[in-house]
Amino acid sequence: MKPIIRQMNENDVKQYRLLRLEALKNHPEAFASSYEEEILYDESIYVQRLKQQSTYSVGAFDGDAMIGMAVFVPQSRTKISHMADIFSVYVSPLYRKHNLGYLMIQTIINHAKQLGFIEQIKLSVTSTNLDAIKLYMRCGFEIYGTDPHVIKVGDRYYDSTLMILYIK
């Protein structure tokens, strides 16, 4: 498999929506949104997400199939414009352990460096997702805290591990 990592565009909206719904269904503990909420969203919501100028949405593709995604969002307010966040990272189960998460995060880090004004990137990850935490640490992120009981699925709470990468 030779995947392609690239910025998503409007032509990817159907694939993006399907992969997003797969992520929400497979890992409800990993996302603030839920499958039950987003299955009701019109495709135009996903088009809007991809059209946002400040957002940099990256997809991993195996041929025509989108198999991974990650979203980079710089802060827009002047006093915090040196910061950005990464959201919605997901790789389809059949394609895990192929370095796709690493490649997508590195693509985002390179994009942040090219912007020239981003000094730090933050993300949060479900504390029980040890593979993702290891991945982010491999990409240079450090743990700076824990946010308790962020996600509630049924009667179970999930903490978030807060991570940061300083861009030099």
N, C-alpha and C. Protein backbone atom coordinates (compact mmCIF):
# COMPACT_ATOMS: atom_id res chain seq x y z
N MET A 1 0.84 -1.19 0.00
CA MET A 1 0.00 0.00 0.00
C MET A 1 0.88 1.24 0.00
N LYS A 2 0.60 2.14 -0.91
CA LYS A 2 1.31 3.41 -0.99
C LYS A 2 0.25 4.52 -0.85
N PRO A 3 -0.08 4.89 0.39
CA PRO A 3 -1.13 5.90 0.59
C PRO A 3 -0.66 7.28 0.18
N ILE A 4 -1.63 8.11 -0.12
CA ILE A 4 -1.38 9.52 -0.42
C ILE A 4 -1.95 10.33 0.73
N ILE A 5 -1.15 11.25 1.25
CA ILE A 5 -1.60 12.17 2.29
C ILE A 5 -1.71 13.54 1.64
N ARG A 6 -2.89 14.13 1.71
CA ARG A 6 -3.08 15.44 1.08
C ARG A 6 -4.21 16.21 1.76
N GLN A 7 -4.25 17.50 1.47
CA GLN A 7 -5.33 18.33 1.99
C GLN A 7 -6.64 17.91 1.32
N MET A 8 -7.68 17.78 2.13
CA MET A 8 -8.99 17.46 1.58
C MET A 8 -9.59 18.67 0.89
N ASN A 9 -10.50 18.40 -0.04
CA ASN A 9 -11.23 19.47 -0.72
C ASN A 9 -12.69 19.05 -0.88
N GLU A 10 -13.49 19.90 -1.48
CA GLU A 10 -14.93 19.65 -1.62
C GLU A 10 -15.24 18.34 -2.33
N ASN A 11 -14.36 17.90 -3.22
CA ASN A 11 -14.59 16.64 -3.93
C ASN A 11 -14.51 15.42 -3.01
N ASP A 12 -13.96 15.61 -1.82
CA ASP A 12 -13.79 14.52 -0.87
C ASP A 12 -14.93 14.44 0.14
N VAL A 13 -15.96 15.26 -0.01
CA VAL A 13 -16.97 15.40 1.03
C VAL A 13 -17.70 14.08 1.35
N LYS A 14 -18.03 13.31 0.34
CA LYS A 14 -18.75 12.04 0.60
C LYS A 14 -17.87 11.08 1.39
N GLN A 15 -16.62 10.95 0.97
CA GLN A 15 -15.67 10.08 1.67
C GLN A 15 -15.41 10.59 3.10
N TYR A 16 -15.27 11.90 3.23
CA TYR A 16 -15.03 12.51 4.54
C TYR A 16 -16.19 12.21 5.48
N ARG A 17 -17.40 12.40 5.02
CA ARG A 17 -18.58 12.14 5.85
C ARG A 17 -18.64 10.68 6.28
N LEU A 18 -18.40 9.76 5.34
CA LEU A 18 -18.42 8.33 5.67
C LEU A 18 -17.36 7.96 6.70
N LEU A 19 -16.15 8.49 6.53
CA LEU A 19 -15.07 8.18 7.47
C LEU A 19 -15.34 8.80 8.84
N ARG A 20 -15.87 10.01 8.84
CA ARG A 20 -16.21 10.67 10.10
C ARG A 20 -17.27 9.86 10.86
N LEU A 21 -18.30 9.40 10.16
CA LEU A 21 -19.34 8.59 10.80
C LEU A 21 -18.77 7.25 11.29
N GLU A 22 -17.86 6.66 10.52
CA GLU A 22 -17.20 5.43 10.96
C GLU A 22 -16.44 5.67 12.27
N ALA A 23 -15.71 6.78 12.32
CA ALA A 23 -14.93 7.12 13.51
C ALA A 23 -15.83 7.29 14.73
N LEU A 24 -16.92 8.02 14.55
CA LEU A 24 -17.85 8.27 15.66
C LEU A 24 -18.52 6.99 16.13
N LYS A 25 -18.81 6.09 15.20
CA LYS A 25 -19.46 4.83 15.55
C LYS A 25 -18.48 3.88 16.25
N ASN A 26 -17.27 3.78 15.71
CA ASN A 26 -16.27 2.85 16.24
C ASN A 26 -15.67 3.30 17.57
N HIS A 27 -15.55 4.62 17.76
CA HIS A 27 -14.87 5.15 18.95
C HIS A 27 -15.62 6.33 19.54
N PRO A 28 -16.80 6.09 20.09
CA PRO A 28 -17.58 7.19 20.66
C PRO A 28 -16.86 7.91 21.81
N GLU A 29 -15.93 7.22 22.46
CA GLU A 29 -15.20 7.81 23.57
C GLU A 29 -14.12 8.80 23.12
N ALA A 30 -13.86 8.84 21.83
CA ALA A 30 -12.75 9.66 21.33
C ALA A 30 -13.17 11.02 20.77
N PHE A 31 -14.46 11.26 20.64
CA PHE A 31 -14.92 12.48 19.98
C PHE A 31 -16.04 13.13 20.79
N ALA A 32 -16.07 14.45 20.79
CA ALA A 32 -17.13 15.17 21.52
C ALA A 32 -18.48 15.01 20.81
N SER A 33 -18.45 14.92 19.50
CA SER A 33 -19.68 14.72 18.74
C SER A 33 -20.04 13.23 18.78
N SER A 34 -21.28 12.93 18.42
CA SER A 34 -21.71 11.53 18.42
C SER A 34 -22.21 11.12 17.04
N TYR A 35 -22.18 9.83 16.80
CA TYR A 35 -22.71 9.27 15.56
C TYR A 35 -24.18 9.66 15.40
N GLU A 36 -24.94 9.54 16.50
CA GLU A 36 -26.38 9.84 16.46
C GLU A 36 -26.66 11.30 16.07
N GLU A 37 -25.77 12.20 16.45
CA GLU A 37 -25.92 13.61 16.06
C GLU A 37 -25.54 13.81 14.59
N GLU A 38 -24.38 13.29 14.22
CA GLU A 38 -23.84 13.62 12.90
C GLU A 38 -24.48 12.84 11.76
N ILE A 39 -25.11 11.71 12.03
CA ILE A 39 -25.80 10.98 10.97
C ILE A 39 -26.94 11.84 10.42
N LEU A 40 -27.43 12.77 11.23
CA LEU A 40 -28.51 13.66 10.82
C LEU A 40 -28.02 14.88 10.04
N TYR A 41 -26.72 15.13 10.07
CA TYR A 41 -26.17 16.31 9.37
C TYR A 41 -26.28 16.15 7.87
N ASP A 42 -26.70 17.20 7.23
CA ASP A 42 -26.71 17.27 5.78
C ASP A 42 -25.27 17.33 5.27
N GLU A 43 -25.04 16.85 4.09
CA GLU A 43 -23.70 16.88 3.50
C GLU A 43 -23.11 18.29 3.44
N SER A 44 -23.97 19.30 3.38
CA SER A 44 -23.50 20.69 3.30
C SER A 44 -22.69 21.08 4.54
N ILE A 45 -22.96 20.47 5.69
CA ILE A 45 -22.19 20.74 6.90
C ILE A 45 -20.73 20.34 6.69
N TYR A 46 -20.52 19.20 6.05
CA TYR A 46 -19.18 18.71 5.80
C TYR A 46 -18.49 19.55 4.73
N VAL A 47 -19.25 20.02 3.75
CA VAL A 47 -18.70 20.93 2.73
C VAL A 47 -18.19 22.20 3.42
N GLN A 48 -19.00 22.76 4.33
CA GLN A 48 -18.59 23.97 5.06
C GLN A 48 -17.30 23.74 5.83
N ARG A 49 -17.19 22.60 6.47
CA ARG A 49 -15.97 22.29 7.22
C ARG A 49 -14.75 22.29 6.31
N LEU A 50 -14.89 21.71 5.13
CA LEU A 50 -13.76 21.63 4.21
C LEU A 50 -13.45 22.97 3.55
N LYS A 51 -14.43 23.86 3.48
CA LYS A 51 -14.23 25.16 2.82
C LYS A 51 -13.65 26.22 3.75
N GLN A 52 -13.63 25.98 5.05
CA GLN A 52 -13.11 26.98 5.98
C GLN A 52 -11.66 27.30 5.65
N GLN A 53 -11.39 28.58 5.42
CA GLN A 53 -10.07 29.01 4.99
C GLN A 53 -8.98 28.74 6.02
N SER A 54 -9.28 28.92 7.29
CA SER A 54 -8.24 28.76 8.31
C SER A 54 -7.96 27.30 8.65
N THR A 55 -8.90 26.43 8.38
CA THR A 55 -8.76 25.02 8.72
C THR A 55 -7.99 24.28 7.63
N TYR A 56 -7.14 23.38 8.08
CA TYR A 56 -6.35 22.55 7.16
C TYR A 56 -6.71 21.10 7.46
N SER A 57 -7.57 20.51 6.63
CA SER A 57 -8.05 19.15 6.83
C SER A 57 -7.27 18.21 5.94
N VAL A 58 -6.63 17.22 6.55
CA VAL A 58 -5.76 16.30 5.84
C VAL A 58 -6.44 14.94 5.76
N GLY A 59 -6.33 14.31 4.60
CA GLY A 59 -6.85 12.97 4.43
C GLY A 59 -5.76 12.02 3.98
N ALA A 60 -5.90 10.76 4.38
CA ALA A 60 -5.03 9.69 3.87
C ALA A 60 -5.89 8.88 2.92
N PHE A 61 -5.36 8.61 1.75
CA PHE A 61 -6.13 7.94 0.70
C PHE A 61 -5.39 6.71 0.19
N ASP A 62 -6.15 5.63 0.02
CA ASP A 62 -5.67 4.42 -0.64
C ASP A 62 -6.49 4.33 -1.91
N GLY A 63 -5.92 4.76 -3.02
CA GLY A 63 -6.70 4.91 -4.25
C GLY A 63 -7.75 5.97 -4.04
N ASP A 64 -9.01 5.64 -4.28
CA ASP A 64 -10.10 6.59 -4.10
C ASP A 64 -10.67 6.56 -2.69
N ALA A 65 -10.26 5.61 -1.88
CA ALA A 65 -10.83 5.45 -0.54
C ALA A 65 -10.10 6.32 0.48
N MET A 66 -10.85 7.15 1.22
CA MET A 66 -10.28 7.90 2.32
C MET A 66 -10.19 6.96 3.51
N ILE A 67 -8.98 6.81 4.05
CA ILE A 67 -8.75 5.85 5.12
C ILE A 67 -8.25 6.50 6.41
N GLY A 68 -8.03 7.80 6.36
CA GLY A 68 -7.58 8.52 7.55
C GLY A 68 -7.87 10.00 7.41
N MET A 69 -7.92 10.68 8.56
CA MET A 69 -8.19 12.12 8.54
C MET A 69 -7.61 12.76 9.79
N ALA A 70 -7.32 14.05 9.68
CA ALA A 70 -6.89 14.87 10.81
C ALA A 70 -7.16 16.32 10.43
N VAL A 71 -7.52 17.13 11.43
CA VAL A 71 -7.89 18.52 11.17
C VAL A 71 -7.04 19.45 12.02
N PHE A 72 -6.47 20.46 11.39
CA PHE A 72 -5.62 21.47 12.02
C PHE A 72 -6.36 22.80 12.01
N VAL A 73 -6.46 23.43 13.17
CA VAL A 73 -7.20 24.69 13.27
C VAL A 73 -6.37 25.71 14.05
N PRO A 74 -5.82 26.71 13.36
CA PRO A 74 -5.13 27.80 14.05
C PRO A 74 -6.14 28.68 14.81
N GLN A 75 -5.70 29.24 15.92
CA GLN A 75 -6.55 30.16 16.67
C GLN A 75 -6.66 31.47 15.90
N SER A 76 -7.82 32.09 15.95
CA SER A 76 -8.05 33.30 15.15
C SER A 76 -7.87 34.60 15.93
N ARG A 77 -7.96 34.56 17.24
CA ARG A 77 -7.82 35.78 18.04
C ARG A 77 -6.36 36.21 18.12
N THR A 78 -6.13 37.50 18.04
CA THR A 78 -4.78 38.06 17.95
C THR A 78 -3.85 37.57 19.05
N LYS A 79 -4.29 37.61 20.29
CA LYS A 79 -3.40 37.28 21.40
C LYS A 79 -3.07 35.79 21.50
N ILE A 80 -3.84 34.96 20.83
CA ILE A 80 -3.55 33.52 20.84
C ILE A 80 -3.32 32.96 19.43
N SER A 81 -3.03 33.85 18.51
CA SER A 81 -2.85 33.43 17.11
C SER A 81 -1.56 32.64 16.89
N HIS A 82 -0.72 32.54 17.90
CA HIS A 82 0.50 31.73 17.81
C HIS A 82 0.22 30.25 18.12
N MET A 83 -1.05 29.95 18.44
CA MET A 83 -1.43 28.60 18.83
C MET A 83 -2.37 27.99 17.80
N ALA A 84 -2.38 26.65 17.78
CA ALA A 84 -3.30 25.91 16.90
C ALA A 84 -3.65 24.60 17.59
N ASP A 85 -4.70 23.96 17.08
CA ASP A 85 -5.16 22.69 17.64
C ASP A 85 -5.28 21.65 16.53
N ILE A 86 -5.15 20.40 16.94
CA ILE A 86 -5.42 19.28 16.05
C ILE A 86 -6.64 18.56 16.60
N PHE A 87 -7.58 18.25 15.72
CA PHE A 87 -8.83 17.59 16.08
C PHE A 87 -9.09 16.41 15.14
N SER A 88 -10.01 15.57 15.54
CA SER A 88 -10.62 14.55 14.66
C SER A 88 -9.64 13.63 13.96
N VAL A 89 -8.61 13.22 14.66
CA VAL A 89 -7.65 12.29 14.06
C VAL A 89 -8.24 10.88 14.10
N TYR A 90 -8.19 10.22 12.95
CA TYR A 90 -8.75 8.86 12.86
C TYR A 90 -8.14 8.14 11.67
N VAL A 91 -7.84 6.87 11.89
CA VAL A 91 -7.40 5.98 10.81
C VAL A 91 -8.30 4.75 10.87
N SER A 92 -8.84 4.37 9.73
CA SER A 92 -9.71 3.20 9.63
C SER A 92 -8.97 1.95 10.13
N PRO A 93 -9.64 1.09 10.89
CA PRO A 93 -8.97 -0.05 11.53
C PRO A 93 -8.11 -0.92 10.62
N LEU A 94 -8.55 -1.18 9.40
CA LEU A 94 -7.78 -2.03 8.49
C LEU A 94 -6.44 -1.41 8.09
N TYR A 95 -6.29 -0.11 8.30
CA TYR A 95 -5.09 0.60 7.85
C TYR A 95 -4.20 1.06 9.00
N ARG A 96 -4.55 0.68 10.21
CA ARG A 96 -3.70 1.05 11.35
C ARG A 96 -2.41 0.25 11.29
N LYS A 97 -1.42 0.74 11.96
CA LYS A 97 -0.07 0.13 11.99
C LYS A 97 0.64 0.25 10.64
N HIS A 98 0.19 1.20 9.80
CA HIS A 98 0.86 1.47 8.52
C HIS A 98 1.48 2.86 8.50
N ASN A 99 1.61 3.49 9.68
CA ASN A 99 2.29 4.78 9.80
C ASN A 99 1.45 5.96 9.29
N LEU A 100 0.17 5.74 9.00
CA LEU A 100 -0.65 6.81 8.43
C LEU A 100 -0.88 7.95 9.41
N GLY A 101 -1.14 7.63 10.68
CA GLY A 101 -1.33 8.67 11.69
C GLY A 101 -0.10 9.55 11.77
N TYR A 102 1.06 8.92 11.80
CA TYR A 102 2.33 9.66 11.85
C TYR A 102 2.48 10.57 10.63
N LEU A 103 2.21 10.02 9.45
CA LEU A 103 2.35 10.81 8.22
C LEU A 103 1.38 12.00 8.19
N MET A 104 0.15 11.79 8.65
CA MET A 104 -0.81 12.90 8.67
C MET A 104 -0.39 13.98 9.67
N ILE A 105 0.05 13.58 10.86
CA ILE A 105 0.47 14.56 11.86
C ILE A 105 1.71 15.31 11.38
N GLN A 106 2.64 14.61 10.76
CA GLN A 106 3.83 15.29 10.23
C GLN A 106 3.46 16.26 9.11
N THR A 107 2.48 15.91 8.29
CA THR A 107 2.00 16.83 7.25
C THR A 107 1.45 18.09 7.88
N ILE A 108 0.69 17.94 8.95
CA ILE A 108 0.13 19.10 9.66
C ILE A 108 1.24 19.93 10.30
N ILE A 109 2.20 19.28 10.94
CA ILE A 109 3.31 20.01 11.56
C ILE A 109 4.07 20.81 10.50
N ASN A 110 4.34 20.19 9.36
CA ASN A 110 5.03 20.90 8.28
C ASN A 110 4.22 22.09 7.79
N HIS A 111 2.91 21.92 7.68
CA HIS A 111 2.03 23.02 7.28
C HIS A 111 2.12 24.16 8.31
N ALA A 112 2.08 23.82 9.58
CA ALA A 112 2.17 24.83 10.65
C ALA A 112 3.48 25.59 10.56
N LYS A 113 4.56 24.88 10.30
CA LYS A 113 5.87 25.54 10.17
C LYS A 113 5.89 26.48 8.97
N GLN A 114 5.28 26.07 7.87
CA GLN A 114 5.23 26.91 6.67
C GLN A 114 4.43 28.18 6.90
N LEU A 115 3.42 28.11 7.76
CA LEU A 115 2.65 29.31 8.06
C LEU A 115 3.53 30.37 8.69
N GLY A 116 4.51 29.95 9.48
CA GLY A 116 5.50 30.87 10.01
C GLY A 116 5.14 31.57 11.32
N PHE A 117 3.90 31.46 11.77
CA PHE A 117 3.52 32.17 13.00
C PHE A 117 3.02 31.23 14.10
N ILE A 118 2.87 29.97 13.79
CA ILE A 118 2.42 29.01 14.79
C ILE A 118 3.62 28.61 15.65
N GLU A 119 3.47 28.78 16.97
CA GLU A 119 4.53 28.43 17.90
C GLU A 119 4.22 27.18 18.70
N GLN A 120 2.94 26.83 18.79
CA GLN A 120 2.57 25.63 19.54
C GLN A 120 1.30 25.03 18.98
N ILE A 121 1.27 23.70 19.02
CA ILE A 121 0.09 22.95 18.58
C ILE A 121 -0.37 22.11 19.76
N LYS A 122 -1.65 22.18 20.05
CA LYS A 122 -2.21 21.40 21.16
C LYS A 122 -3.19 20.37 20.61
N LEU A 123 -3.38 19.32 21.39
CA LEU A 123 -4.40 18.33 21.08
C LEU A 123 -4.80 17.65 22.38
N SER A 124 -5.94 17.00 22.34
CA SER A 124 -6.33 16.16 23.47
C SER A 124 -6.71 14.80 22.91
N VAL A 125 -6.42 13.79 23.71
CA VAL A 125 -6.65 12.41 23.29
C VAL A 125 -7.22 11.64 24.47
N THR A 126 -8.15 10.76 24.21
CA THR A 126 -8.72 9.94 25.27
C THR A 126 -7.58 9.23 26.00
N SER A 127 -7.55 9.37 27.32
CA SER A 127 -6.43 8.88 28.12
C SER A 127 -6.22 7.37 28.01
N THR A 128 -7.25 6.63 27.65
CA THR A 128 -7.11 5.18 27.51
C THR A 128 -6.55 4.78 26.14
N ASN A 129 -6.40 5.74 25.23
CA ASN A 129 -5.90 5.45 23.88
C ASN A 129 -4.37 5.54 23.88
N LEU A 130 -3.74 4.52 24.44
CA LEU A 130 -2.28 4.54 24.61
C LEU A 130 -1.53 4.54 23.28
N ASP A 131 -2.07 3.87 22.26
CA ASP A 131 -1.42 3.88 20.95
C ASP A 131 -1.35 5.29 20.38
N ALA A 132 -2.44 6.05 20.50
CA ALA A 132 -2.45 7.42 19.99
C ALA A 132 -1.49 8.30 20.79
N ILE A 133 -1.47 8.13 22.09
CA ILE A 133 -0.55 8.92 22.93
C ILE A 133 0.89 8.65 22.51
N LYS A 134 1.24 7.38 22.29
CA LYS A 134 2.59 7.02 21.83
C LYS A 134 2.89 7.67 20.47
N LEU A 135 1.90 7.64 19.58
CA LEU A 135 2.07 8.25 18.26
C LEU A 135 2.39 9.73 18.39
N TYR A 136 1.60 10.45 19.19
CA TYR A 136 1.82 11.88 19.34
C TYR A 136 3.17 12.17 19.99
N MET A 137 3.57 11.36 20.94
CA MET A 137 4.88 11.54 21.56
C MET A 137 5.99 11.31 20.53
N ARG A 138 5.79 10.34 19.66
CA ARG A 138 6.76 10.09 18.59
C ARG A 138 6.88 11.29 17.65
N CYS A 139 5.79 12.03 17.52
CA CYS A 139 5.77 13.23 16.68
C CYS A 139 6.32 14.45 17.42
N GLY A 140 6.69 14.29 18.69
CA GLY A 140 7.28 15.39 19.45
C GLY A 140 6.37 16.04 20.47
N PHE A 141 5.13 15.59 20.58
CA PHE A 141 4.21 16.17 21.55
C PHE A 141 4.59 15.71 22.96
N GLU A 142 4.31 16.58 23.94
CA GLU A 142 4.53 16.29 25.35
C GLU A 142 3.19 16.36 26.07
N ILE A 143 3.05 15.55 27.11
CA ILE A 143 1.85 15.60 27.95
C ILE A 143 2.00 16.77 28.92
N TYR A 144 0.97 17.60 29.03
CA TYR A 144 1.01 18.69 30.00
C TYR A 144 -0.14 18.66 31.00
N GLY A 145 -1.02 17.69 30.87
CA GLY A 145 -2.09 17.60 31.86
C GLY A 145 -3.15 16.59 31.48
N THR A 146 -4.13 16.51 32.36
CA THR A 146 -5.28 15.63 32.14
C THR A 146 -6.54 16.43 32.43
N ASP A 147 -7.51 16.27 31.59
CA ASP A 147 -8.82 16.88 31.78
C ASP A 147 -9.79 15.75 32.14
N PRO A 148 -10.25 15.70 33.39
CA PRO A 148 -11.06 14.55 33.82
C PRO A 148 -12.49 14.60 33.30
N HIS A 149 -13.03 13.42 33.06
CA HIS A 149 -14.45 13.23 32.72
C HIS A 149 -14.92 14.13 31.57
N VAL A 150 -14.13 14.21 30.52
CA VAL A 150 -14.48 15.07 29.38
C VAL A 150 -15.60 14.46 28.55
N ILE A 151 -15.50 13.18 28.28
CA ILE A 151 -16.48 12.48 27.45
C ILE A 151 -17.28 11.53 28.33
N LYS A 152 -18.59 11.52 28.11
CA LYS A 152 -19.44 10.57 28.82
C LYS A 152 -20.21 9.77 27.78
N VAL A 153 -20.00 8.46 27.78
CA VAL A 153 -20.70 7.55 26.89
C VAL A 153 -21.48 6.59 27.78
N GLY A 154 -22.79 6.71 27.73
CA GLY A 154 -23.62 5.93 28.65
C GLY A 154 -23.34 6.39 30.06
N ASP A 155 -22.95 5.45 30.91
CA ASP A 155 -22.62 5.77 32.30
C ASP A 155 -21.12 5.87 32.55
N ARG A 156 -20.32 5.76 31.48
CA ARG A 156 -18.86 5.76 31.65
C ARG A 156 -18.26 7.10 31.24
N TYR A 157 -17.34 7.57 32.08
CA TYR A 157 -16.60 8.81 31.80
C TYR A 157 -15.21 8.47 31.26
N TYR A 158 -14.70 9.36 30.40
CA TYR A 158 -13.36 9.23 29.85
C TYR A 158 -12.61 10.53 30.08
N ASP A 159 -11.37 10.39 30.55
CA ASP A 159 -10.49 11.55 30.72
C ASP A 159 -9.78 11.82 29.40
N SER A 160 -9.31 13.06 29.25
CA SER A 160 -8.49 13.43 28.10
C SER A 160 -7.09 13.76 28.56
N THR A 161 -6.12 13.25 27.83
CA THR A 161 -4.72 13.61 28.04
C THR A 161 -4.45 14.81 27.14
N LEU A 162 -3.92 15.88 27.74
CA LEU A 162 -3.64 17.12 27.01
C LEU A 162 -2.18 17.11 26.58
N MET A 163 -1.95 17.41 25.31
CA MET A 163 -0.59 17.33 24.76
C MET A 163 -0.27 18.60 23.98
N ILE A 164 1.02 18.92 23.91
CA ILE A 164 1.46 20.13 23.23
C ILE A 164 2.77 19.85 22.49
N LEU A 165 2.92 20.52 21.37
CA LEU A 165 4.16 20.50 20.60
C LEU A 165 4.59 21.94 20.40
N TYR A 166 5.81 22.25 20.80
CA TYR A 166 6.36 23.58 20.57
C TYR A 166 7.10 23.57 19.25
N ILE A 167 6.76 24.49 18.37
CA ILE A 167 7.40 24.62 17.06
C ILE A 167 8.61 25.54 17.24
N LYS A 168 9.72 25.08 16.81
CA LYS A 168 10.96 25.87 16.98
C LYS A 168 11.27 26.64 15.73
